[in-house]
Structures are given as C-alpha cells and as structure tokens.
PDB file of N, CA and C in Angstrom:
ATOM      1  N   SER A   1      11.095  14.830   2.625  1.00  0.00           N
ATOM      2  CA  SER A   1      11.335  14.218   3.926  1.00  0.00           C
ATOM      3  C   SER A   1      12.508  13.251   3.829  1.00  0.00           C
ATOM      4  N   SER A   2      13.063  12.917   4.967  1.00  0.00           N
ATOM      5  CA  SER A   2      14.211  12.020   4.976  1.00  0.00           C
ATOM      6  C   SER A   2      13.759  10.577   4.835  1.00  0.00           C
ATOM      7  N   CYS A   3      14.628   9.768   4.303  1.00  0.00           N
ATOM      8  CA  CYS A   3      14.327   8.361   4.095  1.00  0.00           C
ATOM      9  C   CYS A   3      15.518   7.556   4.574  1.00  0.00           C
ATOM     10  N   SER A   4      15.264   6.443   5.268  1.00  0.00           N
ATOM     11  CA  SER A   4      16.374   5.620   5.743  1.00  0.00           C
ATOM     12  C   SER A   4      16.471   4.276   5.030  1.00  0.00           C
ATOM     13  N   THR A   5      15.409   3.864   4.327  1.00  0.00           N
ATOM     14  CA  THR A   5      15.419   2.583   3.630  1.00  0.00           C
ATOM     15  C   THR A   5      15.020   2.782   2.175  1.00  0.00           C
ATOM     16  N   PHE A   6      15.841   2.280   1.266  1.00  0.00           N
ATOM     17  CA  PHE A   6      15.550   2.397  -0.166  1.00  0.00           C
ATOM     18  C   PHE A   6      15.413   1.010  -0.784  1.00  0.00           C
ATOM     19  N   CYS A   7      14.493   0.876  -1.742  1.00  0.00           N
ATOM     20  CA  CYS A   7      14.245  -0.372  -2.449  1.00  0.00           C
ATOM     21  C   CYS A   7      14.239  -0.093  -3.946  1.00  0.00           C
ATOM     22  N   LYS A   8      14.435  -1.139  -4.737  1.00  0.00           N
ATOM     23  CA  LYS A   8      14.370  -0.978  -6.187  1.00  0.00           C
ATOM     24  C   LYS A   8      13.014  -0.422  -6.579  1.00  0.00           C
ATOM     25  N   ASP A   9      13.006   0.454  -7.573  1.00  0.00           N
ATOM     26  CA  ASP A   9      11.762   1.054  -8.052  1.00  0.00           C
ATOM     27  C   ASP A   9      10.948  -0.014  -8.783  1.00  0.00           C
ATOM     28  N   PRO A  10       9.777  -0.400  -8.233  1.00  0.00           N
ATOM     29  CA  PRO A  10       8.985  -1.473  -8.846  1.00  0.00           C
ATOM     30  C   PRO A  10       8.298  -1.059 -10.139  1.00  0.00           C
ATOM     31  N   TYR A  11       8.213   0.235 -10.394  1.00  0.00           N
ATOM     32  CA  TYR A  11       7.536   0.707 -11.597  1.00  0.00           C
ATOM     33  C   TYR A  11       8.498   0.797 -12.776  1.00  0.00           C
ATOM     34  N   LEU A  12       9.684   1.353 -12.529  1.00  0.00           N
ATOM     35  CA  LEU A  12      10.659   1.522 -13.609  1.00  0.00           C
ATOM     36  C   LEU A  12      11.448   0.248 -13.873  1.00  0.00           C
ATOM     37  N   ASN A  13      11.730  -0.498 -12.794  1.00  0.00           N
ATOM     38  CA  ASN A  13      12.492  -1.743 -12.901  1.00  0.00           C
ATOM     39  C   ASN A  13      13.795  -1.536 -13.683  1.00  0.00           C
ATOM     40  N   ILE A  14      14.483  -0.428 -13.355  1.00  0.00           N
ATOM     41  CA  ILE A  14      15.749  -0.091 -14.003  1.00  0.00           C
ATOM     42  C   ILE A  14      16.848  -0.215 -12.952  1.00  0.00           C
ATOM     43  N   GLN A  15      17.931  -0.879 -13.298  1.00  0.00           N
ATOM     44  CA  GLN A  15      19.037  -1.034 -12.366  1.00  0.00           C
ATOM     45  C   GLN A  15      19.536   0.333 -11.917  1.00  0.00           C
ATOM     46  N   GLY A  16      19.685   0.508 -10.612  1.00  0.00           N
ATOM     47  CA  GLY A  16      20.176   1.765 -10.065  1.00  0.00           C
ATOM     48  C   GLY A  16      19.091   2.762  -9.700  1.00  0.00           C
ATOM     49  N   GLU A  17      17.830   2.465 -10.018  1.00  0.00           N
ATOM     50  CA  GLU A  17      16.719   3.358  -9.654  1.00  0.00           C
ATOM     51  C   GLU A  17      16.075   2.843  -8.364  1.00  0.00           C
ATOM     52  N   TYR A  18      16.019   3.707  -7.343  1.00  0.00           N
ATOM     53  CA  TYR A  18      15.488   3.302  -6.049  1.00  0.00           C
ATOM     54  C   TYR A  18      14.425   4.280  -5.570  1.00  0.00           C
ATOM     55  N   VAL A  19      13.547   3.799  -4.692  1.00  0.00           N
ATOM     56  CA  VAL A  19      12.512   4.627  -4.078  1.00  0.00           C
ATOM     57  C   VAL A  19      12.546   4.402  -2.569  1.00  0.00           C
ATOM     58  N   CYS A  20      11.975   5.330  -1.837  1.00  0.00           N
ATOM     59  CA  CYS A  20      11.891   5.189  -0.388  1.00  0.00           C
ATOM     60  C   CYS A  20      10.888   4.083  -0.053  1.00  0.00           C
ATOM     61  N   CYS A  21      11.282   3.171   0.822  1.00  0.00           N
ATOM     62  CA  CYS A  21      10.352   2.114   1.235  1.00  0.00           C
ATOM     63  C   CYS A  21      10.311   2.008   2.759  1.00  0.00           C
ATOM     64  N   ASP A  22      10.536   3.153   3.460  1.00  0.00           N
ATOM     65  CA  ASP A  22      10.372   3.177   4.913  1.00  0.00           C
ATOM     66  C   ASP A  22       8.967   2.724   5.269  1.00  0.00           C
ATOM     67  N   LYS A  23       8.814   2.181   6.458  1.00  0.00           N
ATOM     68  CA  LYS A  23       7.498   1.720   6.900  1.00  0.00           C
ATOM     69  C   LYS A  23       6.778   2.830   7.662  1.00  0.00           C
ATOM     70  N   ASN A  24       5.482   3.039   7.348  1.00  0.00           N
ATOM     71  CA  ASN A  24       4.647   3.965   8.113  1.00  0.00           C
ATOM     72  C   ASN A  24       4.308   3.297   9.438  1.00  0.00           C
ATOM     73  N   PRO A  25       4.016   4.083  10.489  1.00  0.00           N
ATOM     74  CA  PRO A  25       3.671   3.486  11.779  1.00  0.00           C
ATOM     75  C   PRO A  25       2.368   2.699  11.711  1.00  0.00           C
ATOM     76  N   GLY A  26       2.219   1.760  12.636  1.00  0.00           N
ATOM     77  CA  GLY A  26       1.002   0.957  12.720  1.00  0.00           C
ATOM     78  C   GLY A  26       1.166  -0.381  12.029  1.00  0.00           C
ATOM     79  N   THR A  27       0.045  -1.099  11.929  1.00  0.00           N
ATOM     80  CA  THR A  27       0.036  -2.415  11.297  1.00  0.00           C
ATOM     81  C   THR A  27      -1.105  -2.486  10.294  1.00  0.00           C
ATOM     82  N   CYS A  28      -1.004  -3.453   9.405  1.00  0.00           N
ATOM     83  CA  CYS A  28      -2.071  -3.664   8.431  1.00  0.00           C
ATOM     84  C   CYS A  28      -3.301  -4.239   9.139  1.00  0.00           C
ATOM     85  N   PRO A  29      -4.499  -3.740   8.804  1.00  0.00           N
ATOM     86  CA  PRO A  29      -5.705  -4.308   9.395  1.00  0.00           C
ATOM     87  C   PRO A  29      -5.925  -5.738   8.888  1.00  0.00           C
ATOM     88  N   VAL A  30      -6.503  -6.592   9.742  1.00  0.00           N
ATOM     89  CA  VAL A  30      -6.781  -7.972   9.370  1.00  0.00           C
ATOM     90  C   VAL A  30      -8.220  -8.062   8.892  1.00  0.00           C
ATOM     91  N   ARG A  31      -8.407  -8.688   7.748  1.00  0.00           N
ATOM     92  CA  ARG A  31      -9.753  -8.842   7.179  1.00  0.00           C
ATOM     93  C   ARG A  31     -10.105 -10.326   7.194  1.00  0.00           C
ATOM     94  N   ASP A  32     -11.210 -10.661   7.875  1.00  0.00           N
ATOM     95  CA  ASP A  32     -11.646 -12.051   7.961  1.00  0.00           C
ATOM     96  C   ASP A  32     -12.544 -12.454   6.804  1.00  0.00           C
ATOM     97  N   LYS A  33     -13.343 -11.506   6.333  1.00  0.00           N
ATOM     98  CA  LYS A  33     -14.302 -11.788   5.265  1.00  0.00           C
ATOM     99  C   LYS A  33     -14.194 -10.715   4.197  1.00  0.00           C
ATOM    100  N   CYS A  34     -14.556 -11.087   2.990  1.00  0.00           N
ATOM    101  CA  CYS A  34     -14.615 -10.114   1.907  1.00  0.00           C
ATOM    102  C   CYS A  34     -16.018  -9.522   1.854  1.00  0.00           C
ATOM    103  N   PRO A  35     -16.113  -8.194   1.783  1.00  0.00           N
ATOM    104  CA  PRO A  35     -17.438  -7.577   1.680  1.00  0.00           C
ATOM    105  C   PRO A  35     -18.032  -7.860   0.303  1.00  0.00           C
ATOM    106  N   PRO A  36     -19.343  -7.647   0.146  1.00  0.00           N
ATOM    107  CA  PRO A  36     -19.930  -7.788  -1.187  1.00  0.00           C
ATOM    108  C   PRO A  36     -19.210  -6.855  -2.158  1.00  0.00           C
ATOM    109  N   LEU A  37     -19.169  -7.220  -3.410  1.00  0.00           N
ATOM    110  CA  LEU A  37     -18.477  -6.386  -4.396  1.00  0.00           C
ATOM    111  C   LEU A  37     -18.976  -4.953  -4.319  1.00  0.00           C
ATOM    112  N   ALA A  38     -18.029  -4.045  -4.239  1.00  0.00           N
ATOM    113  CA  ALA A  38     -18.378  -2.630  -4.144  1.00  0.00           C
ATOM    114  C   ALA A  38     -18.793  -2.108  -5.514  1.00  0.00           C
ATOM    115  N   GLN A  39     -19.514  -1.005  -5.493  1.00  0.00           N
ATOM    116  CA  GLN A  39     -19.880  -0.355  -6.744  1.00  0.00           C
ATOM    117  C   GLN A  39     -18.611   0.099  -7.445  1.00  0.00           C
ATOM    118  N   GLU A  40     -18.632   0.145  -8.754  1.00  0.00           N
ATOM    119  CA  GLU A  40     -17.441   0.481  -9.532  1.00  0.00           C
ATOM    120  C   GLU A  40     -16.844   1.828  -9.121  1.00  0.00           C
ATOM    121  N   ASP A  41     -17.670   2.830  -8.854  1.00  0.00           N
ATOM    122  CA  ASP A  41     -17.138   4.146  -8.494  1.00  0.00           C
ATOM    123  C   ASP A  41     -16.440   4.113  -7.140  1.00  0.00           C
ATOM    124  N   VAL A  42     -16.863   3.237  -6.232  1.00  0.00           N
ATOM    125  CA  VAL A  42     -16.203   3.109  -4.939  1.00  0.00           C
ATOM    126  C   VAL A  42     -14.853   2.417  -5.124  1.00  0.00           C
ATOM    127  N   ARG A  43     -14.804   1.382  -5.954  1.00  0.00           N
ATOM    128  CA  ARG A  43     -13.553   0.652  -6.184  1.00  0.00           C
ATOM    129  C   ARG A  43     -12.512   1.538  -6.858  1.00  0.00           C
ATOM    130  N   GLN A  44     -12.935   2.558  -7.596  1.00  0.00           N
ATOM    131  CA  GLN A  44     -11.981   3.447  -8.246  1.00  0.00           C
ATOM    132  C   GLN A  44     -11.172   4.242  -7.221  1.00  0.00           C
ATOM    133  N   GLY A  45     -11.694   4.394  -6.001  1.00  0.00           N
ATOM    134  CA  GLY A  45     -10.992   5.124  -4.955  1.00  0.00           C
ATOM    135  C   GLY A  45      -9.875   4.319  -4.307  1.00  0.00           C
ATOM    136  N   ILE A  46      -9.740   3.034  -4.636  1.00  0.00           N
ATOM    137  CA  ILE A  46      -8.701   2.188  -4.075  1.00  0.00           C
ATOM    138  C   ILE A  46      -7.374   2.532  -4.738  1.00  0.00           C
ATOM    139  N   ARG A  47      -6.346   2.752  -3.907  1.00  0.00           N
ATOM    140  CA  ARG A  47      -5.021   3.080  -4.433  1.00  0.00           C
ATOM    141  C   ARG A  47      -4.103   1.876  -4.282  1.00  0.00           C
ATOM    142  N   SER A  48      -3.609   1.366  -5.388  1.00  0.00           N
ATOM    143  CA  SER A  48      -2.652   0.268  -5.312  1.00  0.00           C
ATOM    144  C   SER A  48      -1.291   0.846  -4.916  1.00  0.00           C
ATOM    145  N   CYS A  49      -0.415  -0.005  -4.382  1.00  0.00           N
ATOM    146  CA  CYS A  49       0.876   0.452  -3.888  1.00  0.00           C
ATOM    147  C   CYS A  49       1.857  -0.715  -3.853  1.00  0.00           C
ATOM    148  N   HIS A  50       3.121  -0.381  -3.660  1.00  0.00           N
ATOM    149  CA  HIS A  50       4.170  -1.370  -3.421  1.00  0.00           C
ATOM    150  C   HIS A  50       4.769  -1.186  -2.031  1.00  0.00           C
ATOM    151  N   TYR A  51       4.863   0.092  -1.576  1.00  0.00           N
ATOM    152  CA  TYR A  51       5.500   0.421  -0.312  1.00  0.00           C
ATOM    153  C   TYR A  51       4.663   1.459   0.437  1.00  0.00           C
ATOM    154  N   ASP A  52       4.822   1.502   1.768  1.00  0.00           N
ATOM    155  CA  ASP A  52       4.082   2.435   2.614  1.00  0.00           C
ATOM    156  C   ASP A  52       4.187   3.903   2.169  1.00  0.00           C
ATOM    157  N   PRO A  53       5.362   4.427   1.772  1.00  0.00           N
ATOM    158  CA  PRO A  53       5.442   5.847   1.408  1.00  0.00           C
ATOM    159  C   PRO A  53       4.533   6.248   0.238  1.00  0.00           C
ATOM    160  N   GLU A  54       4.004   5.286  -0.504  1.00  0.00           N
ATOM    161  CA  GLU A  54       3.063   5.608  -1.583  1.00  0.00           C
ATOM    162  C   GLU A  54       1.672   5.896  -1.034  1.00  0.00           C
ATOM    163  N   CYS A  55       1.487   5.642   0.259  1.00  0.00           N
ATOM    164  CA  CYS A  55       0.193   5.871   0.929  1.00  0.00           C
ATOM    165  C   CYS A  55       0.300   7.110   1.814  1.00  0.00           C
ATOM    166  N   HIS A  56      -0.831   7.547   2.360  1.00  0.00           N
ATOM    167  CA  HIS A  56      -0.837   8.652   3.320  1.00  0.00           C
ATOM    168  C   HIS A  56      -0.107   8.208   4.590  1.00  0.00           C
ATOM    169  N   PRO A  57       0.403   9.154   5.397  1.00  0.00           N
ATOM    170  CA  PRO A  57       1.167   8.799   6.598  1.00  0.00           C
ATOM    171  C   PRO A  57       0.401   7.921   7.598  1.00  0.00           C
ATOM    172  N   ASN A  58      -0.934   7.992   7.608  1.00  0.00           N
ATOM    173  CA  ASN A  58      -1.723   7.185   8.548  1.00  0.00           C
ATOM    174  C   ASN A  58      -2.203   5.871   7.912  1.00  0.00           C
ATOM    175  N   GLU A  59      -1.625   5.518   6.762  1.00  0.00           N
ATOM    176  CA  GLU A  59      -2.014   4.302   6.058  1.00  0.00           C
ATOM    177  C   GLU A  59      -0.809   3.374   5.895  1.00  0.00           C
ATOM    178  N   LYS A  60      -1.101   2.106   5.621  1.00  0.00           N
ATOM    179  CA  LYS A  60      -0.092   1.101   5.325  1.00  0.00           C
ATOM    180  C   LYS A  60      -0.377   0.521   3.947  1.00  0.00           C
ATOM    181  N   CYS A  61       0.651   0.035   3.282  1.00  0.00           N
ATOM    182  CA  CYS A  61       0.497  -0.662   2.008  1.00  0.00           C
ATOM    183  C   CYS A  61       0.342  -2.142   2.353  1.00  0.00           C
ATOM    184  N   CYS A  62      -0.876  -2.658   2.209  1.00  0.00           N
ATOM    185  CA  CYS A  62      -1.211  -4.001   2.680  1.00  0.00           C
ATOM    186  C   CYS A  62      -1.791  -4.853   1.556  1.00  0.00           C
ATOM    187  N   PHE A  63      -1.512  -6.162   1.608  1.00  0.00           N
ATOM    188  CA  PHE A  63      -2.106  -7.069   0.632  1.00  0.00           C
ATOM    189  C   PHE A  63      -3.564  -7.277   1.009  1.00  0.00           C
ATOM    190  N   ASP A  64      -4.458  -7.071   0.062  1.00  0.00           N
ATOM    191  CA  ASP A  64      -5.892  -7.275   0.281  1.00  0.00           C
ATOM    192  C   ASP A  64      -6.284  -8.628  -0.310  1.00  0.00           C
ATOM    193  N   ILE A  65      -6.739  -9.535   0.557  1.00  0.00           N
ATOM    194  CA  ILE A  65      -7.068 -10.891   0.099  1.00  0.00           C
ATOM    195  C   ILE A  65      -8.271 -10.918  -0.834  1.00  0.00           C
ATOM    196  N   CYS A  66      -9.106  -9.894  -0.770  1.00  0.00           N
ATOM    197  CA  CYS A  66     -10.326  -9.884  -1.578  1.00  0.00           C
ATOM    198  C   CYS A  66     -10.062  -9.474  -3.022  1.00  0.00           C
ATOM    199  N   ILE A  67      -9.166  -8.507  -3.206  1.00  0.00           N
ATOM    200  CA  ILE A  67      -8.897  -8.058  -4.575  1.00  0.00           C
ATOM    201  C   ILE A  67      -7.524  -8.525  -5.059  1.00  0.00           C
ATOM    202  N   LYS A  68      -6.808  -9.263  -4.209  1.00  0.00           N
ATOM    203  CA  LYS A  68      -5.546  -9.925  -4.579  1.00  0.00           C
ATOM    204  C   LYS A  68      -4.470  -8.953  -5.068  1.00  0.00           C
ATOM    205  N   GLN A  69      -4.341  -7.826  -4.357  1.00  0.00           N
ATOM    206  CA  GLN A  69      -3.264  -6.884  -4.657  1.00  0.00           C
ATOM    207  C   GLN A  69      -2.979  -6.037  -3.435  1.00  0.00           C
ATOM    208  N   LYS A  70      -1.833  -5.355  -3.441  1.00  0.00           N
ATOM    209  CA  LYS A  70      -1.484  -4.469  -2.340  1.00  0.00           C
ATOM    210  C   LYS A  70      -2.153  -3.121  -2.564  1.00  0.00           C
ATOM    211  N   VAL A  71      -2.807  -2.617  -1.501  1.00  0.00           N
ATOM    212  CA  VAL A  71      -3.506  -1.343  -1.562  1.00  0.00           C
ATOM    213  C   VAL A  71      -3.253  -0.557  -0.270  1.00  0.00           C
ATOM    214  N   CYS A  72      -3.470   0.751  -0.337  1.00  0.00           N
ATOM    215  CA  CYS A  72      -3.350   1.611   0.841  1.00  0.00           C
ATOM    216  C   CYS A  72      -4.568   1.403   1.735  1.00  0.00           C
ATOM    217  N   LYS A  73      -4.305   1.113   3.013  1.00  0.00           N
ATOM    218  CA  LYS A  73      -5.381   0.909   3.998  1.00  0.00           C
ATOM    219  C   LYS A  73      -5.062   1.707   5.253  1.00  0.00           C
ATOM    220  N   LEU A  74      -6.113   2.181   5.924  1.00  0.00           N
ATOM    221  CA  LEU A  74      -5.952   2.888   7.194  1.00  0.00           C
ATOM    222  C   LEU A  74      -5.267   1.951   8.176  1.00  0.00           C
ATOM    223  N   ALA A  75      -4.166   2.391   8.773  1.00  0.00           N
ATOM    224  CA  ALA A  75      -3.368   1.537   9.668  1.00  0.00           C
ATOM    225  C   ALA A  75      -4.061   1.331  11.014  1.00  0.00           C
ATOM    226  N   ASP A  76      -3.914   0.127  11.554  1.00  0.00           N
ATOM    227  CA  ASP A  76      -4.316  -0.137  12.925  1.00  0.00           C
ATOM    228  C   ASP A  76      -3.175   0.315  13.811  1.00  0.00           C
ATOM    229  N   PRO A  77      -3.488   0.833  15.015  1.00  0.00           N
ATOM    230  CA  PRO A  77      -2.411   1.296  15.904  1.00  0.00           C
ATOM    231  C   PRO A  77      -1.481   0.171  16.337  1.00  0.00           C
TER     232      PRO A  77
END
C-alpha cells in the first residue's frame, strides 16, 4: 500500500532506515480505570507497537496507562 509519512525505524535504530507511520482513521479509546490484571494467556494477545501501521486498519497504536506501553487498540470513530 502507499505511504505518505515515514519515520525512523524504532526497532533497527539505523540511520537511513524508515518505516511507514501514517495514521489509521479514528482516535485512541480513553481508559478511566485499569481492569483487574488479566490472565497471562489473555495478556499474550496484546500487540505492542510504535506506529498505527503496525496494527490492523481498524486499530490505533495507543499508550495504555495500565501496562505503561503503546499497544494496538480498537479505534473509536
């Protein structure tokens, strides 16, 4: 697919290496409270990310206040 915005590759951290960092549609969901700790097998399904293109098209790469990292979350319209 086409990409209009490129950012430094956060994984390789090599000068001159870039990845697509276009934004997926929608906004990050707002979380007011942290749920009880999930079972380990459920937490394994969480995908960490740096940019939206690392997530599915209907997801955003959002900072999660509960686990203190950016993860793919279903986007709010």
